[in-house]
Amino acid sequence: MPPVLSALLAFVVALFRSRASLCLENLALRHQVAIYKQAVPHPRLHPTDRLFWVWLSRLWSGWQNALAFVQPRTVIAWQRQRFRAHWRRLSQRGTPGRPALAKEVRDLIRQMWRAVTLQGFLR
């Protein structure tokens, strides 16, 4: 199961647990994170993990205090990156570049070019 889905499932389960149980689980998880930070210098995050932190930063004002693996400026950079990618996708819809001209118009342009070129040589 992806980490984001397991985190959301844990959140739903936590809604029905007692406060003491949640505090003990929080203590256990923080201890594991502290050990993990000592053992692994650069943990790998997946795009779903990044999306989770971007989403959480929009909903929760204390998100910066809970970060253990990444710095707050990294999450803000992810938000900016997603914003730029969103607008890039919107702006790149359709065919890029100038619309094609009809064959008759291209032939007329060539004919006019030849006429002007011939007049220039005759003078």
N, C-alpha and C. Protein backbone atom coordinates (compact mmCIF):
# COMPACT_ATOMS: atom_id res chain seq x y z
N MET A 1 0.85 -1.17 0.00
CA MET A 1 0.00 0.00 0.00
C MET A 1 0.89 1.24 0.00
N PRO A 2 0.61 2.22 -0.85
CA PRO A 2 1.42 3.45 -0.88
C PRO A 2 1.38 4.17 0.47
N PRO A 3 2.47 4.84 0.82
CA PRO A 3 2.54 5.50 2.13
C PRO A 3 1.44 6.54 2.34
N VAL A 4 1.03 7.20 1.29
CA VAL A 4 0.00 8.23 1.45
C VAL A 4 -1.33 7.59 1.83
N LEU A 5 -1.68 6.48 1.17
CA LEU A 5 -2.93 5.81 1.50
C LEU A 5 -2.90 5.25 2.91
N SER A 6 -1.77 4.68 3.32
CA SER A 6 -1.69 4.16 4.68
C SER A 6 -1.78 5.29 5.70
N ALA A 7 -1.22 6.47 5.37
CA ALA A 7 -1.34 7.61 6.28
C ALA A 7 -2.78 8.09 6.40
N LEU A 8 -3.49 8.13 5.27
CA LEU A 8 -4.90 8.53 5.31
C LEU A 8 -5.76 7.52 6.06
N LEU A 9 -5.47 6.25 5.88
CA LEU A 9 -6.19 5.21 6.62
C LEU A 9 -5.92 5.32 8.11
N ALA A 10 -4.67 5.58 8.46
CA ALA A 10 -4.32 5.76 9.88
C ALA A 10 -5.03 6.98 10.46
N PHE A 11 -5.20 8.02 9.66
CA PHE A 11 -5.91 9.21 10.13
C PHE A 11 -7.37 8.89 10.44
N VAL A 12 -8.01 8.13 9.55
CA VAL A 12 -9.41 7.77 9.77
C VAL A 12 -9.55 6.90 11.02
N VAL A 13 -8.64 5.97 11.21
CA VAL A 13 -8.67 5.12 12.40
C VAL A 13 -8.42 5.95 13.65
N ALA A 14 -7.54 6.95 13.54
CA ALA A 14 -7.21 7.78 14.70
C ALA A 14 -8.38 8.62 15.17
N LEU A 15 -9.34 8.88 14.31
CA LEU A 15 -10.51 9.66 14.71
C LEU A 15 -11.31 8.95 15.80
N PHE A 16 -11.22 7.63 15.85
CA PHE A 16 -12.01 6.86 16.80
C PHE A 16 -11.21 6.33 17.99
N ARG A 17 -9.96 6.75 18.14
CA ARG A 17 -9.12 6.28 19.24
C ARG A 17 -9.07 7.30 20.36
N SER A 18 -8.63 6.86 21.53
CA SER A 18 -8.56 7.76 22.68
C SER A 18 -7.34 8.68 22.55
N ARG A 19 -7.37 9.77 23.27
CA ARG A 19 -6.27 10.74 23.23
C ARG A 19 -4.97 10.14 23.76
N ALA A 20 -5.04 9.36 24.84
CA ALA A 20 -3.83 8.74 25.41
C ALA A 20 -3.19 7.78 24.41
N SER A 21 -4.02 7.02 23.72
CA SER A 21 -3.51 6.09 22.73
C SER A 21 -2.80 6.84 21.59
N LEU A 22 -3.41 7.95 21.16
CA LEU A 22 -2.79 8.74 20.10
C LEU A 22 -1.47 9.36 20.55
N CYS A 23 -1.40 9.82 21.80
CA CYS A 23 -0.16 10.40 22.31
C CYS A 23 0.95 9.36 22.37
N LEU A 24 0.63 8.15 22.80
CA LEU A 24 1.64 7.09 22.86
C LEU A 24 2.10 6.70 21.45
N GLU A 25 1.15 6.62 20.52
CA GLU A 25 1.55 6.30 19.15
C GLU A 25 2.43 7.40 18.57
N ASN A 26 2.08 8.64 18.86
CA ASN A 26 2.87 9.77 18.39
C ASN A 26 4.29 9.70 18.96
N LEU A 27 4.40 9.37 20.24
CA LEU A 27 5.72 9.22 20.88
C LEU A 27 6.53 8.12 20.19
N ALA A 28 5.89 6.98 19.93
CA ALA A 28 6.58 5.86 19.29
C ALA A 28 7.04 6.24 17.88
N LEU A 29 6.18 6.92 17.15
CA LEU A 29 6.54 7.30 15.78
C LEU A 29 7.65 8.34 15.77
N ARG A 30 7.61 9.29 16.68
CA ARG A 30 8.68 10.30 16.76
C ARG A 30 10.02 9.65 17.11
N HIS A 31 9.99 8.65 17.98
CA HIS A 31 11.22 7.94 18.33
C HIS A 31 11.78 7.23 17.10
N GLN A 32 10.91 6.59 16.33
CA GLN A 32 11.37 5.90 15.12
C GLN A 32 11.94 6.89 14.10
N VAL A 33 11.31 8.04 13.98
CA VAL A 33 11.80 9.05 13.05
C VAL A 33 13.17 9.56 13.50
N ALA A 34 13.34 9.74 14.80
CA ALA A 34 14.63 10.20 15.30
C ALA A 34 15.73 9.18 14.98
N ILE A 35 15.43 7.91 15.16
CA ILE A 35 16.41 6.86 14.83
C ILE A 35 16.66 6.83 13.33
N TYR A 36 15.62 6.98 12.54
CA TYR A 36 15.75 6.95 11.09
C TYR A 36 16.60 8.12 10.60
N LYS A 37 16.44 9.28 11.21
CA LYS A 37 17.23 10.44 10.82
C LYS A 37 18.71 10.22 11.10
N GLN A 38 19.04 9.45 12.11
CA GLN A 38 20.44 9.16 12.41
C GLN A 38 21.01 8.14 11.43
N ALA A 39 20.17 7.19 10.99
CA ALA A 39 20.66 6.09 10.17
C ALA A 39 20.70 6.42 8.67
N VAL A 40 19.74 7.17 8.17
CA VAL A 40 19.63 7.42 6.74
C VAL A 40 19.82 8.92 6.49
N PRO A 41 20.92 9.31 5.83
CA PRO A 41 21.16 10.74 5.63
C PRO A 41 20.21 11.38 4.61
N HIS A 42 19.83 10.66 3.54
CA HIS A 42 18.97 11.23 2.50
C HIS A 42 17.88 10.24 2.12
N PRO A 43 16.76 10.23 2.81
CA PRO A 43 15.68 9.31 2.43
C PRO A 43 15.06 9.70 1.10
N ARG A 44 14.56 8.72 0.37
CA ARG A 44 13.94 8.96 -0.93
C ARG A 44 12.45 9.19 -0.76
N LEU A 45 11.95 10.24 -1.37
CA LEU A 45 10.53 10.53 -1.34
C LEU A 45 9.94 10.32 -2.73
N HIS A 46 8.74 9.78 -2.78
CA HIS A 46 8.05 9.56 -4.04
C HIS A 46 7.16 10.77 -4.34
N PRO A 47 6.71 10.91 -5.59
CA PRO A 47 5.83 12.04 -5.91
C PRO A 47 4.56 12.07 -5.07
N THR A 48 4.03 10.90 -4.70
CA THR A 48 2.84 10.89 -3.85
C THR A 48 3.14 11.44 -2.47
N ASP A 49 4.35 11.20 -1.96
CA ASP A 49 4.74 11.77 -0.67
C ASP A 49 4.82 13.29 -0.77
N ARG A 50 5.35 13.78 -1.86
CA ARG A 50 5.46 15.23 -2.05
C ARG A 50 4.07 15.85 -2.14
N LEU A 51 3.19 15.20 -2.88
CA LEU A 51 1.82 15.70 -3.00
C LEU A 51 1.13 15.72 -1.63
N PHE A 52 1.38 14.70 -0.82
CA PHE A 52 0.81 14.65 0.52
C PHE A 52 1.26 15.85 1.35
N TRP A 53 2.56 16.17 1.33
CA TRP A 53 3.05 17.30 2.13
C TRP A 53 2.56 18.63 1.60
N VAL A 54 2.43 18.75 0.28
CA VAL A 54 1.88 19.99 -0.28
C VAL A 54 0.43 20.15 0.17
N TRP A 55 -0.33 19.07 0.10
CA TRP A 55 -1.73 19.09 0.53
C TRP A 55 -1.84 19.41 2.02
N LEU A 56 -1.00 18.77 2.82
CA LEU A 56 -1.03 18.99 4.27
C LEU A 56 -0.64 20.42 4.63
N SER A 57 0.29 21.00 3.89
CA SER A 57 0.71 22.37 4.18
C SER A 57 -0.41 23.37 3.90
N ARG A 58 -1.31 23.02 3.01
CA ARG A 58 -2.46 23.89 2.73
C ARG A 58 -3.52 23.79 3.82
N LEU A 59 -3.63 22.62 4.46
CA LEU A 59 -4.70 22.39 5.42
C LEU A 59 -4.31 22.65 6.88
N TRP A 60 -3.04 22.54 7.21
CA TRP A 60 -2.62 22.55 8.61
C TRP A 60 -1.56 23.62 8.81
N SER A 61 -1.79 24.52 9.75
CA SER A 61 -0.84 25.62 9.97
C SER A 61 0.43 25.16 10.67
N GLY A 62 0.41 24.05 11.39
CA GLY A 62 1.59 23.57 12.12
C GLY A 62 2.40 22.55 11.36
N TRP A 63 2.27 22.53 10.04
CA TRP A 63 2.94 21.50 9.23
C TRP A 63 4.45 21.61 9.30
N GLN A 64 4.98 22.81 9.50
CA GLN A 64 6.44 22.98 9.51
C GLN A 64 7.09 22.31 10.71
N ASN A 65 6.38 22.26 11.83
CA ASN A 65 6.94 21.64 13.03
C ASN A 65 7.00 20.12 12.92
N ALA A 66 6.17 19.54 12.07
CA ALA A 66 6.11 18.08 11.95
C ALA A 66 7.10 17.52 10.93
N LEU A 67 7.75 18.38 10.17
CA LEU A 67 8.67 17.90 9.15
C LEU A 67 9.92 17.30 9.78
N ALA A 68 10.28 16.12 9.30
CA ALA A 68 11.49 15.47 9.78
C ALA A 68 12.46 15.18 8.64
N PHE A 69 11.93 14.88 7.45
CA PHE A 69 12.78 14.46 6.34
C PHE A 69 13.14 15.59 5.40
N VAL A 70 12.28 16.57 5.28
CA VAL A 70 12.53 17.67 4.35
C VAL A 70 12.42 18.99 5.08
N GLN A 71 12.95 20.03 4.47
CA GLN A 71 12.87 21.35 5.07
C GLN A 71 11.63 22.06 4.54
N PRO A 72 11.09 23.01 5.32
CA PRO A 72 9.88 23.72 4.86
C PRO A 72 10.06 24.39 3.51
N ARG A 73 11.23 24.93 3.22
CA ARG A 73 11.41 25.59 1.93
C ARG A 73 11.33 24.59 0.78
N THR A 74 11.64 23.32 1.04
CA THR A 74 11.51 22.30 0.01
C THR A 74 10.04 22.08 -0.33
N VAL A 75 9.19 22.02 0.68
CA VAL A 75 7.76 21.84 0.44
C VAL A 75 7.20 23.03 -0.33
N ILE A 76 7.63 24.23 0.02
CA ILE A 76 7.18 25.43 -0.70
C ILE A 76 7.67 25.39 -2.15
N ALA A 77 8.88 24.90 -2.36
CA ALA A 77 9.39 24.75 -3.74
C ALA A 77 8.54 23.75 -4.52
N TRP A 78 8.11 22.67 -3.87
CA TRP A 78 7.24 21.70 -4.53
C TRP A 78 5.92 22.34 -4.93
N GLN A 79 5.37 23.20 -4.06
CA GLN A 79 4.13 23.89 -4.39
C GLN A 79 4.32 24.76 -5.63
N ARG A 80 5.40 25.51 -5.66
CA ARG A 80 5.66 26.37 -6.81
C ARG A 80 5.85 25.55 -8.08
N GLN A 81 6.54 24.42 -7.95
CA GLN A 81 6.79 23.55 -9.10
C GLN A 81 5.47 23.00 -9.64
N ARG A 82 4.58 22.56 -8.75
CA ARG A 82 3.28 22.05 -9.19
C ARG A 82 2.46 23.16 -9.84
N PHE A 83 2.54 24.38 -9.30
CA PHE A 83 1.81 25.51 -9.87
C PHE A 83 2.31 25.80 -11.29
N ARG A 84 3.64 25.83 -11.47
CA ARG A 84 4.20 26.07 -12.80
C ARG A 84 3.82 24.95 -13.77
N ALA A 85 3.88 23.71 -13.30
CA ALA A 85 3.52 22.58 -14.17
C ALA A 85 2.05 22.64 -14.57
N HIS A 86 1.20 23.04 -13.64
CA HIS A 86 -0.23 23.16 -13.94
C HIS A 86 -0.47 24.18 -15.05
N TRP A 87 0.12 25.36 -14.92
CA TRP A 87 -0.09 26.39 -15.93
C TRP A 87 0.61 26.05 -17.24
N ARG A 88 1.72 25.33 -17.18
CA ARG A 88 2.38 24.89 -18.41
C ARG A 88 1.48 23.94 -19.18
N ARG A 89 0.84 23.00 -18.45
CA ARG A 89 -0.08 22.08 -19.12
C ARG A 89 -1.26 22.82 -19.74
N LEU A 90 -1.77 23.82 -19.03
CA LEU A 90 -2.90 24.58 -19.57
C LEU A 90 -2.50 25.38 -20.80
N SER A 91 -1.32 25.94 -20.79
CA SER A 91 -0.91 26.79 -21.91
C SER A 91 -0.45 25.98 -23.11
N GLN A 92 -0.14 24.72 -22.96
CA GLN A 92 0.37 23.92 -24.07
C GLN A 92 -0.71 23.06 -24.72
N ARG A 93 -1.96 23.34 -24.43
CA ARG A 93 -3.03 22.59 -25.09
C ARG A 93 -3.11 23.01 -26.55
N GLY A 94 -3.49 22.08 -27.39
CA GLY A 94 -3.60 22.38 -28.81
C GLY A 94 -2.27 22.23 -29.51
N THR A 95 -2.24 22.70 -30.73
CA THR A 95 -1.00 22.59 -31.51
C THR A 95 -0.17 23.84 -31.32
N PRO A 96 1.11 23.68 -31.06
CA PRO A 96 1.97 24.85 -30.87
C PRO A 96 2.31 25.50 -32.20
N GLY A 97 2.67 26.76 -32.15
CA GLY A 97 3.14 27.46 -33.34
C GLY A 97 2.04 28.17 -34.11
N ARG A 98 2.42 28.70 -35.21
CA ARG A 98 1.52 29.46 -36.07
C ARG A 98 0.61 28.51 -36.84
N PRO A 99 -0.66 28.87 -37.04
CA PRO A 99 -1.55 27.99 -37.82
C PRO A 99 -1.08 27.87 -39.27
N ALA A 100 -1.35 26.73 -39.86
CA ALA A 100 -0.91 26.47 -41.24
C ALA A 100 -1.73 27.29 -42.23
N LEU A 101 -1.08 27.71 -43.31
CA LEU A 101 -1.75 28.43 -44.37
C LEU A 101 -2.29 27.46 -45.41
N ALA A 102 -3.34 27.86 -46.07
CA ALA A 102 -3.92 27.04 -47.13
C ALA A 102 -2.94 26.98 -48.31
N LYS A 103 -3.04 25.91 -49.10
CA LYS A 103 -2.13 25.72 -50.23
C LYS A 103 -2.28 26.85 -51.25
N GLU A 104 -3.50 27.33 -51.45
CA GLU A 104 -3.72 28.42 -52.41
C GLU A 104 -2.99 29.68 -51.96
N VAL A 105 -3.00 29.98 -50.69
CA VAL A 105 -2.32 31.18 -50.18
C VAL A 105 -0.81 31.03 -50.35
N ARG A 106 -0.27 29.86 -50.07
CA ARG A 106 1.18 29.65 -50.24
C ARG A 106 1.58 29.79 -51.71
N ASP A 107 0.74 29.24 -52.60
CA ASP A 107 1.03 29.37 -54.03
C ASP A 107 0.98 30.83 -54.47
N LEU A 108 0.04 31.59 -53.95
CA LEU A 108 -0.07 33.01 -54.29
C LEU A 108 1.15 33.78 -53.78
N ILE A 109 1.62 33.47 -52.60
CA ILE A 109 2.83 34.13 -52.06
C ILE A 109 4.04 33.82 -52.94
N ARG A 110 4.20 32.57 -53.36
CA ARG A 110 5.32 32.20 -54.23
C ARG A 110 5.23 32.93 -55.58
N GLN A 111 4.02 32.99 -56.10
CA GLN A 111 3.83 33.66 -57.38
C GLN A 111 4.18 35.15 -57.28
N MET A 112 3.77 35.81 -56.18
CA MET A 112 4.09 37.22 -55.98
C MET A 112 5.59 37.40 -55.79
N TRP A 113 6.24 36.48 -55.10
CA TRP A 113 7.68 36.57 -54.87
C TRP A 113 8.44 36.47 -56.19
N ARG A 114 7.99 35.54 -57.04
CA ARG A 114 8.65 35.38 -58.33
C ARG A 114 8.47 36.63 -59.20
N ALA A 115 7.27 37.22 -59.14
CA ALA A 115 6.99 38.41 -59.94
C ALA A 115 7.88 39.57 -59.50
N VAL A 116 8.04 39.75 -58.18
CA VAL A 116 8.87 40.83 -57.66
C VAL A 116 10.33 40.57 -57.99
N THR A 117 10.76 39.33 -57.90
CA THR A 117 12.15 38.99 -58.19
C THR A 117 12.48 39.24 -59.65
N LEU A 118 11.58 38.87 -60.55
CA LEU A 118 11.81 39.09 -61.98
C LEU A 118 11.85 40.58 -62.31
N GLN A 119 10.99 41.37 -61.69
CA GLN A 119 11.01 42.81 -61.95
C GLN A 119 12.32 43.42 -61.48
N GLY A 120 12.86 42.95 -60.41
CA GLY A 120 14.13 43.48 -59.89
C GLY A 120 15.28 43.20 -60.81
N PHE A 121 15.29 42.06 -61.48
CA PHE A 121 16.37 41.71 -62.39
C PHE A 121 16.26 42.46 -63.71
N LEU A 122 15.06 42.78 -64.13
CA LEU A 122 14.88 43.43 -65.43
C LEU A 122 15.25 44.90 -65.37
N ARG A 123 15.24 45.53 -64.28
CA ARG A 123 15.52 46.97 -64.20
C ARG A 123 16.96 47.24 -64.25
